[in-house]
């Protein structure tokens, strides 16, 4: 069963050919990203980690406050009607 040319064309659009092919005379170091790429990537990861630590601290505070409120509500609900009056 043959695939139609339209299907073949759409498959080739999803998987583009590599822009750079490796040849024997290529210097392998040139095929790896430059140090600037790693510097930018590390900076981005570091900033995201810092932001996430701040959000985590806020969430911990929020959970602590909610837990305290829940304990107070549970204490109020566990009282007998005579203790409330």
PDB file of N, CA and C in Angstrom:
ATOM      1  N   UNK A   1       0.848  -1.181   0.000  1.00  0.00           N
ATOM      2  CA  UNK A   1       0.000   0.000   0.000  1.00  0.00           C
ATOM      3  C   UNK A   1       0.890   1.239   0.000  1.00  0.00           C
ATOM      4  N   UNK A   2       0.675   2.104  -0.940  1.00  0.00           N
ATOM      5  CA  UNK A   2       1.495   3.306  -1.074  1.00  0.00           C
ATOM      6  C   UNK A   2       0.854   4.469  -0.325  1.00  0.00           C
ATOM      7  N   UNK A   3       1.709   5.320   0.233  1.00  0.00           N
ATOM      8  CA  UNK A   3       1.188   6.528   0.871  1.00  0.00           C
ATOM      9  C   UNK A   3       1.089   7.619  -0.173  1.00  0.00           C
ATOM     10  N   UNK A   4       0.125   8.476   0.016  1.00  0.00           N
ATOM     11  CA  UNK A   4      -0.069   9.549  -0.958  1.00  0.00           C
ATOM     12  C   UNK A   4       1.072  10.560  -0.857  1.00  0.00           C
ATOM     13  N   UNK A   5       1.236  11.342  -1.895  1.00  0.00           N
ATOM     14  CA  UNK A   5       2.299  12.353  -1.902  1.00  0.00           C
ATOM     15  C   UNK A   5       2.037  13.421  -0.845  1.00  0.00           C
ATOM     16  N   UNK A   6       0.765  13.697  -0.563  1.00  0.00           N
ATOM     17  CA  UNK A   6       0.420  14.694   0.447  1.00  0.00           C
ATOM     18  C   UNK A   6       0.879  14.228   1.832  1.00  0.00           C
ATOM     19  N   UNK A   7       0.663  12.952   2.143  1.00  0.00           N
ATOM     20  CA  UNK A   7       1.102  12.408   3.425  1.00  0.00           C
ATOM     21  C   UNK A   7       2.619  12.406   3.493  1.00  0.00           C
ATOM     22  N   UNK A   8       3.290  12.032   2.425  1.00  0.00           N
ATOM     23  CA  UNK A   8       4.749  12.029   2.400  1.00  0.00           C
ATOM     24  C   UNK A   8       5.283  13.433   2.617  1.00  0.00           C
ATOM     25  N   UNK A   9       4.631  14.417   1.992  1.00  0.00           N
ATOM     26  CA  UNK A   9       5.071  15.801   2.128  1.00  0.00           C
ATOM     27  C   UNK A   9       4.898  16.273   3.573  1.00  0.00           C
ATOM     28  N   UNK A  10       3.758  15.953   4.199  1.00  0.00           N
ATOM     29  CA  UNK A  10       3.534  16.405   5.572  1.00  0.00           C
ATOM     30  C   UNK A  10       4.519  15.748   6.529  1.00  0.00           C
ATOM     31  N   UNK A  11       4.888  14.490   6.290  1.00  0.00           N
ATOM     32  CA  UNK A  11       5.872  13.828   7.143  1.00  0.00           C
ATOM     33  C   UNK A  11       7.232  14.491   7.020  1.00  0.00           C
ATOM     34  N   UNK A  12       7.598  14.874   5.827  1.00  0.00           N
ATOM     35  CA  UNK A  12       8.905  15.497   5.644  1.00  0.00           C
ATOM     36  C   UNK A  12       8.949  16.884   6.259  1.00  0.00           C
ATOM     37  N   UNK A  13       7.794  17.560   6.360  1.00  0.00           N
ATOM     38  CA  UNK A  13       7.768  18.882   6.986  1.00  0.00           C
ATOM     39  C   UNK A  13       7.954  18.776   8.495  1.00  0.00           C
ATOM     40  N   UNK A  14       7.488  17.684   9.095  1.00  0.00           N
ATOM     41  CA  UNK A  14       7.609  17.517  10.544  1.00  0.00           C
ATOM     42  C   UNK A  14       9.024  17.141  10.963  1.00  0.00           C
ATOM     43  N   UNK A  15       9.754  16.524  10.084  1.00  0.00           N
ATOM     44  CA  UNK A  15      11.112  16.085  10.403  1.00  0.00           C
ATOM     45  C   UNK A  15      12.092  16.725   9.432  1.00  0.00           C
ATOM     46  N   UNK A  16      12.471  17.992   9.714  1.00  0.00           N
ATOM     47  CA  UNK A  16      13.397  18.658   8.796  1.00  0.00           C
ATOM     48  C   UNK A  16      14.771  17.993   8.813  1.00  0.00           C
ATOM     49  N   UNK A  17      15.472  18.123   7.720  1.00  0.00           N
ATOM     50  CA  UNK A  17      16.816  17.554   7.626  1.00  0.00           C
ATOM     51  C   UNK A  17      17.763  18.338   8.523  1.00  0.00           C
ATOM     52  N   UNK A  18      18.798  17.661   8.980  1.00  0.00           N
ATOM     53  CA  UNK A  18      19.787  18.331   9.824  1.00  0.00           C
ATOM     54  C   UNK A  18      20.474  19.438   9.026  1.00  0.00           C
ATOM     55  N   UNK A  19      20.702  20.552   9.690  1.00  0.00           N
ATOM     56  CA  UNK A  19      21.352  21.670   9.014  1.00  0.00           C
ATOM     57  C   UNK A  19      22.849  21.456   8.851  1.00  0.00           C
ATOM     58  N   UNK A  20      23.408  20.666   9.727  1.00  0.00           N
ATOM     59  CA  UNK A  20      24.859  20.479   9.706  1.00  0.00           C
ATOM     60  C   UNK A  20      25.157  18.982   9.705  1.00  0.00           C
ATOM     61  N   UNK A  21      25.876  18.557   8.747  1.00  0.00           N
ATOM     62  CA  UNK A  21      26.266  17.151   8.731  1.00  0.00           C
ATOM     63  C   UNK A  21      27.728  17.051   9.169  1.00  0.00           C
ATOM     64  N   UNK A  22      28.043  15.981   9.845  1.00  0.00           N
ATOM     65  CA  UNK A  22      29.389  15.786  10.380  1.00  0.00           C
ATOM     66  C   UNK A  22      30.266  15.156   9.309  1.00  0.00           C
ATOM     67  N   UNK A  23      31.372  15.790   9.082  1.00  0.00           N
ATOM     68  CA  UNK A  23      32.334  15.289   8.100  1.00  0.00           C
ATOM     69  C   UNK A  23      33.639  14.964   8.810  1.00  0.00           C
ATOM     70  N   UNK A  24      34.444  14.152   8.204  1.00  0.00           N
ATOM     71  CA  UNK A  24      35.708  13.725   8.805  1.00  0.00           C
ATOM     72  C   UNK A  24      36.640  14.902   9.068  1.00  0.00           C
ATOM     73  N   UNK A  25      36.595  15.921   8.215  1.00  0.00           N
ATOM     74  CA  UNK A  25      37.527  17.044   8.388  1.00  0.00           C
ATOM     75  C   UNK A  25      37.030  18.085   9.395  1.00  0.00           C
ATOM     76  N   UNK A  26      35.802  17.924   9.891  1.00  0.00           N
ATOM     77  CA  UNK A  26      35.279  18.866  10.887  1.00  0.00           C
ATOM     78  C   UNK A  26      36.033  18.725  12.200  1.00  0.00           C
ATOM     79  N   UNK A  27      36.270  19.857  12.833  1.00  0.00           N
ATOM     80  CA  UNK A  27      36.855  19.848  14.161  1.00  0.00           C
ATOM     81  C   UNK A  27      35.705  19.619  15.141  1.00  0.00           C
ATOM     82  N   UNK A  28      35.771  18.568  15.931  1.00  0.00           N
ATOM     83  CA  UNK A  28      34.656  18.204  16.803  1.00  0.00           C
ATOM     84  C   UNK A  28      34.293  19.299  17.791  1.00  0.00           C
ATOM     85  N   UNK A  29      35.259  20.075  18.221  1.00  0.00           N
ATOM     86  CA  UNK A  29      34.967  21.137  19.182  1.00  0.00           C
ATOM     87  C   UNK A  29      34.026  22.177  18.575  1.00  0.00           C
ATOM     88  N   UNK A  30      34.085  22.367  17.266  1.00  0.00           N
ATOM     89  CA  UNK A  30      33.205  23.327  16.604  1.00  0.00           C
ATOM     90  C   UNK A  30      31.753  22.850  16.569  1.00  0.00           C
ATOM     91  N   UNK A  31      31.533  21.577  16.764  1.00  0.00           N
ATOM     92  CA  UNK A  31      30.177  21.037  16.733  1.00  0.00           C
ATOM     93  C   UNK A  31      29.434  21.245  18.051  1.00  0.00           C
ATOM     94  N   UNK A  32      30.157  21.565  19.123  1.00  0.00           N
ATOM     95  CA  UNK A  32      29.532  21.776  20.424  1.00  0.00           C
ATOM     96  C   UNK A  32      29.178  23.245  20.602  1.00  0.00           C
ATOM     97  N   UNK A  33      28.166  23.529  21.444  1.00  0.00           N
ATOM     98  CA  UNK A  33      27.793  24.929  21.701  1.00  0.00           C
ATOM     99  C   UNK A  33      28.951  25.706  22.317  1.00  0.00           C
ATOM    100  N   UNK A  34      28.943  26.980  22.088  1.00  0.00           N
ATOM    101  CA  UNK A  34      29.983  27.853  22.614  1.00  0.00           C
ATOM    102  C   UNK A  34      29.782  28.067  24.117  1.00  0.00           C
ATOM    103  N   UNK A  35      30.819  28.473  24.847  1.00  0.00           N
ATOM    104  CA  UNK A  35      30.701  28.693  26.295  1.00  0.00           C
ATOM    105  C   UNK A  35      29.612  29.698  26.659  1.00  0.00           C
ATOM    106  N   UNK A  36      29.366  30.664  25.792  1.00  0.00           N
ATOM    107  CA  UNK A  36      28.330  31.672  26.075  1.00  0.00           C
ATOM    108  C   UNK A  36      26.962  31.009  26.228  1.00  0.00           C
ATOM    109  N   UNK A  37      26.699  29.975  25.447  1.00  0.00           N
ATOM    110  CA  UNK A  37      25.431  29.256  25.549  1.00  0.00           C
ATOM    111  C   UNK A  37      25.269  28.699  26.961  1.00  0.00           C
ATOM    112  N   UNK A  38      26.307  28.077  27.482  1.00  0.00           N
ATOM    113  CA  UNK A  38      26.230  27.477  28.803  1.00  0.00           C
ATOM    114  C   UNK A  38      26.113  28.554  29.880  1.00  0.00           C
ATOM    115  N   UNK A  39      26.784  29.674  29.675  1.00  0.00           N
ATOM    116  CA  UNK A  39      26.707  30.773  30.633  1.00  0.00           C
ATOM    117  C   UNK A  39      25.276  31.295  30.713  1.00  0.00           C
ATOM    118  N   UNK A  40      24.658  31.531  29.570  1.00  0.00           N
ATOM    119  CA  UNK A  40      23.280  32.031  29.534  1.00  0.00           C
ATOM    120  C   UNK A  40      22.333  30.991  30.123  1.00  0.00           C
ATOM    121  N   UNK A  41      22.541  29.734  29.759  1.00  0.00           N
ATOM    122  CA  UNK A  41      21.687  28.666  30.269  1.00  0.00           C
ATOM    123  C   UNK A  41      21.803  28.558  31.791  1.00  0.00           C
ATOM    124  N   UNK A  42      23.020  28.591  32.325  1.00  0.00           N
ATOM    125  CA  UNK A  42      23.227  28.504  33.760  1.00  0.00           C
ATOM    126  C   UNK A  42      22.591  29.692  34.466  1.00  0.00           C
ATOM    127  N   UNK A  43      22.737  30.883  33.905  1.00  0.00           N
ATOM    128  CA  UNK A  43      22.140  32.080  34.503  1.00  0.00           C
ATOM    129  C   UNK A  43      20.621  31.942  34.555  1.00  0.00           C
ATOM    130  N   UNK A  44      20.034  31.454  33.484  1.00  0.00           N
ATOM    131  CA  UNK A  44      18.584  31.262  33.423  1.00  0.00           C
ATOM    132  C   UNK A  44      18.134  30.248  34.476  1.00  0.00           C
ATOM    133  N   UNK A  45      18.837  29.143  34.597  1.00  0.00           N
ATOM    134  CA  UNK A  45      18.500  28.114  35.582  1.00  0.00           C
ATOM    135  C   UNK A  45      18.643  28.679  36.994  1.00  0.00           C
ATOM    136  N   UNK A  46      19.706  29.444  37.231  1.00  0.00           N
ATOM    137  CA  UNK A  46      19.952  30.031  38.547  1.00  0.00           C
ATOM    138  C   UNK A  46      18.830  31.004  38.928  1.00  0.00           C
ATOM    139  N   UNK A  47      18.407  31.851  37.991  1.00  0.00           N
ATOM    140  CA  UNK A  47      17.330  32.800  38.264  1.00  0.00           C
ATOM    141  C   UNK A  47      16.023  32.072  38.537  1.00  0.00           C
ATOM    142  N   UNK A  48      15.740  31.053  37.756  1.00  0.00           N
ATOM    143  CA  UNK A  48      14.513  30.287  37.985  1.00  0.00           C
ATOM    144  C   UNK A  48      14.538  29.606  39.352  1.00  0.00           C
ATOM    145  N   UNK A  49      15.679  29.065  39.729  1.00  0.00           N
ATOM    146  CA  UNK A  49      15.794  28.403  41.028  1.00  0.00           C
ATOM    147  C   UNK A  49      15.570  29.415  42.152  1.00  0.00           C
ATOM    148  N   UNK A  50      16.112  30.610  41.998  1.00  0.00           N
ATOM    149  CA  UNK A  50      15.939  31.653  43.007  1.00  0.00           C
ATOM    150  C   UNK A  50      14.462  32.036  43.127  1.00  0.00           C
ATOM    151  N   UNK A  51      13.799  32.223  42.004  1.00  0.00           N
ATOM    152  CA  UNK A  51      12.378  32.566  42.012  1.00  0.00           C
ATOM    153  C   UNK A  51      11.547  31.453  42.644  1.00  0.00           C
ATOM    154  N   UNK A  52      11.876  30.222  42.316  1.00  0.00           N
ATOM    155  CA  UNK A  52      11.130  29.092  42.865  1.00  0.00           C
ATOM    156  C   UNK A  52      11.332  28.954  44.374  1.00  0.00           C
ATOM    157  N   UNK A  53      12.541  29.263  44.855  1.00  0.00           N
ATOM    158  CA  UNK A  53      12.775  29.225  46.302  1.00  0.00           C
ATOM    159  C   UNK A  53      11.909  30.259  47.013  1.00  0.00           C
ATOM    160  N   UNK A  54      11.788  31.444  46.415  1.00  0.00           N
ATOM    161  CA  UNK A  54      10.933  32.486  46.995  1.00  0.00           C
ATOM    162  C   UNK A  54       9.469  32.058  47.023  1.00  0.00           C
ATOM    163  N   UNK A  55       9.000  31.481  45.928  1.00  0.00           N
ATOM    164  CA  UNK A  55       7.621  30.998  45.879  1.00  0.00           C
ATOM    165  C   UNK A  55       7.399  29.884  46.891  1.00  0.00           C
ATOM    166  N   UNK A  56       8.363  29.001  47.029  1.00  0.00           N
ATOM    167  CA  UNK A  56       8.251  27.902  47.981  1.00  0.00           C
ATOM    168  C   UNK A  56       8.157  28.433  49.411  1.00  0.00           C
ATOM    169  N   UNK A  57       8.943  29.437  49.738  1.00  0.00           N
ATOM    170  CA  UNK A  57       8.894  30.034  51.076  1.00  0.00           C
ATOM    171  C   UNK A  57       7.520  30.652  51.329  1.00  0.00           C
ATOM    172  N   UNK A  58       6.967  31.346  50.328  1.00  0.00           N
ATOM    173  CA  UNK A  58       5.624  31.930  50.473  1.00  0.00           C
ATOM    174  C   UNK A  58       4.579  30.839  50.674  1.00  0.00           C
ATOM    175  N   UNK A  59       4.690  29.775  49.912  1.00  0.00           N
ATOM    176  CA  UNK A  59       3.726  28.685  50.042  1.00  0.00           C
ATOM    177  C   UNK A  59       3.825  28.005  51.407  1.00  0.00           C
ATOM    178  N   UNK A  60       5.035  27.858  51.915  1.00  0.00           N
ATOM    179  CA  UNK A  60       5.203  27.272  53.252  1.00  0.00           C
ATOM    180  C   UNK A  60       4.541  28.147  54.308  1.00  0.00           C
ATOM    181  N   UNK A  61       4.728  29.468  54.218  1.00  0.00           N
ATOM    182  CA  UNK A  61       4.067  30.387  55.154  1.00  0.00           C
ATOM    183  C   UNK A  61       2.552  30.269  55.051  1.00  0.00           C
ATOM    184  N   UNK A  62       2.054  30.215  53.830  1.00  0.00           N
ATOM    185  CA  UNK A  62       0.612  30.117  53.615  1.00  0.00           C
ATOM    186  C   UNK A  62       0.066  28.818  54.207  1.00  0.00           C
ATOM    187  N   UNK A  63       0.760  27.707  53.988  1.00  0.00           N
ATOM    188  CA  UNK A  63       0.323  26.413  54.526  1.00  0.00           C
ATOM    189  C   UNK A  63       0.338  26.449  56.048  1.00  0.00           C
ATOM    190  N   UNK A  64       1.340  27.074  56.633  1.00  0.00           N
ATOM    191  CA  UNK A  64       1.418  27.175  58.091  1.00  0.00           C
ATOM    192  C   UNK A  64       0.219  27.950  58.633  1.00  0.00           C
ATOM    193  N   UNK A  65      -0.121  29.061  58.002  1.00  0.00           N
ATOM    194  CA  UNK A  65      -1.264  29.867  58.446  1.00  0.00           C
ATOM    195  C   UNK A  65      -2.578  29.101  58.276  1.00  0.00           C
ATOM    196  N   UNK A  66      -2.728  28.423  57.173  1.00  0.00           N
ATOM    197  CA  UNK A  66      -3.945  27.639  56.941  1.00  0.00           C
ATOM    198  C   UNK A  66      -4.047  26.512  57.965  1.00  0.00           C
ATOM    199  N   UNK A  67      -2.929  25.886  58.268  1.00  0.00           N
ATOM    200  CA  UNK A  67      -2.914  24.809  59.262  1.00  0.00           C
ATOM    201  C   UNK A  67      -3.329  25.336  60.635  1.00  0.00           C
ATOM    202  N   UNK A  68      -2.836  26.509  61.009  1.00  0.00           N
ATOM    203  CA  UNK A  68      -3.216  27.112  62.293  1.00  0.00           C
ATOM    204  C   UNK A  68      -4.716  27.405  62.327  1.00  0.00           C
ATOM    205  N   UNK A  69      -5.234  27.967  61.250  1.00  0.00           N
ATOM    206  CA  UNK A  69      -6.665  28.256  61.182  1.00  0.00           C
ATOM    207  C   UNK A  69      -7.481  26.974  61.267  1.00  0.00           C
ATOM    208  N   UNK A  70      -7.036  25.935  60.601  1.00  0.00           N
ATOM    209  CA  UNK A  70      -7.737  24.657  60.625  1.00  0.00           C
ATOM    210  C   UNK A  70      -7.753  24.079  62.040  1.00  0.00           C
ATOM    211  N   UNK A  71      -6.638  24.196  62.746  1.00  0.00           N
ATOM    212  CA  UNK A  71      -6.590  23.711  64.123  1.00  0.00           C
ATOM    213  C   UNK A  71      -7.573  24.478  65.003  1.00  0.00           C
ATOM    214  N   UNK A  72      -7.667  25.801  64.814  1.00  0.00           N
ATOM    215  CA  UNK A  72      -8.617  26.593  65.600  1.00  0.00           C
ATOM    216  C   UNK A  72     -10.054  26.190  65.296  1.00  0.00           C
ATOM    217  N   UNK A  73     -10.359  25.986  64.038  1.00  0.00           N
ATOM    218  CA  UNK A  73     -11.708  25.572  63.649  1.00  0.00           C
ATOM    219  C   UNK A  73     -12.029  24.205  64.231  1.00  0.00           C
ATOM    220  N   UNK A  74     -11.082  23.288  64.163  1.00  0.00           N
ATOM    221  CA  UNK A  74     -11.301  21.946  64.714  1.00  0.00           C
ATOM    222  C   UNK A  74     -11.506  22.013  66.226  1.00  0.00           C
ATOM    223  N   UNK A  75     -10.756  22.896  66.895  1.00  0.00           N
ATOM    224  CA  UNK A  75     -10.931  23.053  68.338  1.00  0.00           C
ATOM    225  C   UNK A  75     -12.312  23.608  68.646  1.00  0.00           C
ATOM    226  N   UNK A  76     -12.778  24.556  67.876  1.00  0.00           N
ATOM    227  CA  UNK A  76     -14.121  25.110  68.084  1.00  0.00           C
ATOM    228  C   UNK A  76     -15.197  24.065  67.826  1.00  0.00           C
ATOM    229  N   UNK A  77     -15.004  23.256  66.817  1.00  0.00           N
ATOM    230  CA  UNK A  77     -15.998  22.238  66.479  1.00  0.00           C
ATOM    231  C   UNK A  77     -16.018  21.094  67.491  1.00  0.00           C
ATOM    232  N   UNK A  78     -14.904  20.848  68.162  1.00  0.00           N
ATOM    233  CA  UNK A  78     -14.846  19.742  69.114  1.00  0.00           C
ATOM    234  C   UNK A  78     -15.438  20.098  70.486  1.00  0.00           C
ATOM    235  N   UNK A  79     -15.727  21.362  70.721  1.00  0.00           N
ATOM    236  CA  UNK A  79     -16.323  21.782  71.994  1.00  0.00           C
ATOM    237  C   UNK A  79     -17.774  21.301  72.061  1.00  0.00           C
ATOM    238  N   UNK A  80     -18.191  21.057  73.286  1.00  0.00           N
ATOM    239  CA  UNK A  80     -19.599  20.718  73.483  1.00  0.00           C
ATOM    240  C   UNK A  80     -20.413  22.005  73.511  1.00  0.00           C
ATOM    241  N   UNK A  81     -21.696  21.945  73.270  1.00  0.00           N
ATOM    242  CA  UNK A  81     -22.510  23.181  73.282  1.00  0.00           C
ATOM    243  C   UNK A  81     -22.435  23.942  74.599  1.00  0.00           C
ATOM    244  N   UNK A  82     -22.278  23.264  75.740  1.00  0.00           N
ATOM    245  CA  UNK A  82     -22.200  23.953  77.026  1.00  0.00           C
ATOM    246  C   UNK A  82     -20.919  24.763  77.132  1.00  0.00           C
ATOM    247  N   UNK A  83     -19.805  24.273  76.517  1.00  0.00           N
ATOM    248  CA  UNK A  83     -18.523  24.987  76.583  1.00  0.00           C
ATOM    249  C   UNK A  83     -18.568  26.258  75.744  1.00  0.00           C
ATOM    250  N   UNK A  84     -19.362  26.258  74.683  1.00  0.00           N
ATOM    251  CA  UNK A  84     -19.449  27.418  73.809  1.00  0.00           C
ATOM    252  C   UNK A  84     -20.126  28.571  74.545  1.00  0.00           C
ATOM    253  N   UNK A  85     -21.171  28.295  75.319  1.00  0.00           N
ATOM    254  CA  UNK A  85     -21.884  29.338  76.061  1.00  0.00           C
ATOM    255  C   UNK A  85     -21.062  29.731  77.223  1.00  0.00           C
TER     256      UNK A  85
END
